[in-house]
Amino acid sequence: MYRVRRWSVRNARYLKKRYSAIERILVGCSPVLRRIDEPFTTIASPAVSNARTVQAVEAIS
């Protein structure tokens, strides 16, 4: 475990650059990902409510 700690301290600058780049990519893709998710969210909402209704009826029976 100590070796991993020493490696991470030695490479902290590289790791920070890598994480910052990944963060910038994800922030840049956020609007696109939201647009992709939007149709699925609108489809999923009625399906989820129907599934809950069916489960409630099955629980009563």
C-alpha atoms as a PDB file:
ATOM      1  CA  MET A   1       0.000   0.000   0.000  1.00  0.00           C
ATOM      2  CA  TYR A   2       2.866   2.338   0.703  1.00  0.00           C
ATOM      3  CA  ARG A   3       4.132   1.846  -2.860  1.00  0.00           C
ATOM      4  CA  VAL A   4       0.800   2.956  -4.263  1.00  0.00           C
ATOM      5  CA  ARG A   5       0.850   6.017  -2.055  1.00  0.00           C
ATOM      6  CA  ARG A   6       4.347   6.968  -3.167  1.00  0.00           C
ATOM      7  CA  TRP A   7       3.432   6.417  -6.825  1.00  0.00           C
ATOM      8  CA  SER A   8       0.360   8.630  -6.510  1.00  0.00           C
ATOM      9  CA  VAL A   9       2.389  11.384  -4.841  1.00  0.00           C
ATOM     10  CA  ARG A  10       5.016  11.217  -7.588  1.00  0.00           C
ATOM     11  CA  ASN A  11       2.386  11.328 -10.328  1.00  0.00           C
ATOM     12  CA  ALA A  12      -0.044  13.769  -8.726  1.00  0.00           C
ATOM     13  CA  ARG A  13       0.483  16.432 -11.381  1.00  0.00           C
ATOM     14  CA  TYR A  14      -0.188  13.948 -14.203  1.00  0.00           C
ATOM     15  CA  LEU A  15      -3.290  12.605 -12.445  1.00  0.00           C
ATOM     16  CA  LYS A  16      -4.647  16.109 -11.870  1.00  0.00           C
ATOM     17  CA  LYS A  17      -4.224  16.963 -15.569  1.00  0.00           C
ATOM     18  CA  ARG A  18      -5.928  13.727 -16.567  1.00  0.00           C
ATOM     19  CA  TYR A  19      -8.900  14.283 -14.232  1.00  0.00           C
ATOM     20  CA  SER A  20      -9.227  17.918 -15.352  1.00  0.00           C
ATOM     21  CA  ALA A  21      -9.319  16.846 -18.997  1.00  0.00           C
ATOM     22  CA  ILE A  22     -11.971  14.214 -18.290  1.00  0.00           C
ATOM     23  CA  GLU A  23     -14.018  16.771 -16.367  1.00  0.00           C
ATOM     24  CA  ARG A  24     -13.850  19.270 -19.249  1.00  0.00           C
ATOM     25  CA  ILE A  25     -14.975  16.581 -21.696  1.00  0.00           C
ATOM     26  CA  LEU A  26     -17.922  15.582 -19.503  1.00  0.00           C
ATOM     27  CA  VAL A  27     -18.993  19.184 -18.925  1.00  0.00           C
ATOM     28  CA  GLY A  28     -18.789  19.821 -22.672  1.00  0.00           C
ATOM     29  CA  CYS A  29     -20.869  16.735 -23.446  1.00  0.00           C
ATOM     30  CA  SER A  30     -23.487  17.517 -20.811  1.00  0.00           C
ATOM     31  CA  PRO A  31     -25.987  19.280 -23.133  1.00  0.00           C
ATOM     32  CA  VAL A  32     -25.709  16.492 -25.692  1.00  0.00           C
ATOM     33  CA  LEU A  33     -26.196  13.817 -23.067  1.00  0.00           C
ATOM     34  CA  ARG A  34     -29.224  15.633 -21.673  1.00  0.00           C
ATOM     35  CA  ARG A  35     -30.806  15.747 -25.128  1.00  0.00           C
ATOM     36  CA  ILE A  36     -30.185  12.052 -25.601  1.00  0.00           C
ATOM     37  CA  ASP A  37     -31.658  11.252 -22.177  1.00  0.00           C
ATOM     38  CA  GLU A  38     -34.731  13.456 -22.607  1.00  0.00           C
ATOM     39  CA  PRO A  39     -36.759  11.093 -24.851  1.00  0.00           C
ATOM     40  CA  PHE A  40     -36.007   8.166 -22.573  1.00  0.00           C
ATOM     41  CA  THR A  41     -37.114  10.123 -19.522  1.00  0.00           C
ATOM     42  CA  THR A  42     -40.416  11.078 -21.116  1.00  0.00           C
ATOM     43  CA  ILE A  43     -41.009   7.482 -22.183  1.00  0.00           C
ATOM     44  CA  ALA A  44     -39.950   6.033 -18.847  1.00  0.00           C
ATOM     45  CA  SER A  45     -42.225   8.184 -16.670  1.00  0.00           C
ATOM     46  CA  PRO A  46     -45.558   6.674 -17.796  1.00  0.00           C
ATOM     47  CA  ALA A  47     -44.038   3.218 -17.886  1.00  0.00           C
ATOM     48  CA  VAL A  48     -42.849   3.530 -14.292  1.00  0.00           C
ATOM     49  CA  SER A  49     -46.231   4.731 -13.075  1.00  0.00           C
ATOM     50  CA  ASN A  50     -47.962   1.865 -14.920  1.00  0.00           C
ATOM     51  CA  ALA A  51     -45.557  -0.636 -13.403  1.00  0.00           C
ATOM     52  CA  ARG A  52     -46.265   0.710  -9.913  1.00  0.00           C
ATOM     53  CA  THR A  53     -50.002   0.415 -10.499  1.00  0.00           C
ATOM     54  CA  VAL A  54     -49.655  -3.170 -11.697  1.00  0.00           C
ATOM     55  CA  GLN A  55     -47.466  -4.051  -8.716  1.00  0.00           C
ATOM     56  CA  ALA A  56     -49.995  -2.512  -6.333  1.00  0.00           C
ATOM     57  CA  VAL A  57     -52.842  -4.493  -7.900  1.00  0.00           C
ATOM     58  CA  GLU A  58     -50.791  -7.684  -7.768  1.00  0.00           C
ATOM     59  CA  ALA A  59     -49.992  -7.065  -4.114  1.00  0.00           C
ATOM     60  CA  ILE A  60     -53.683  -6.712  -3.288  1.00  0.00           C
ATOM     61  CA  SER A  61     -54.618  -9.913  -5.144  1.00  0.00           C
END
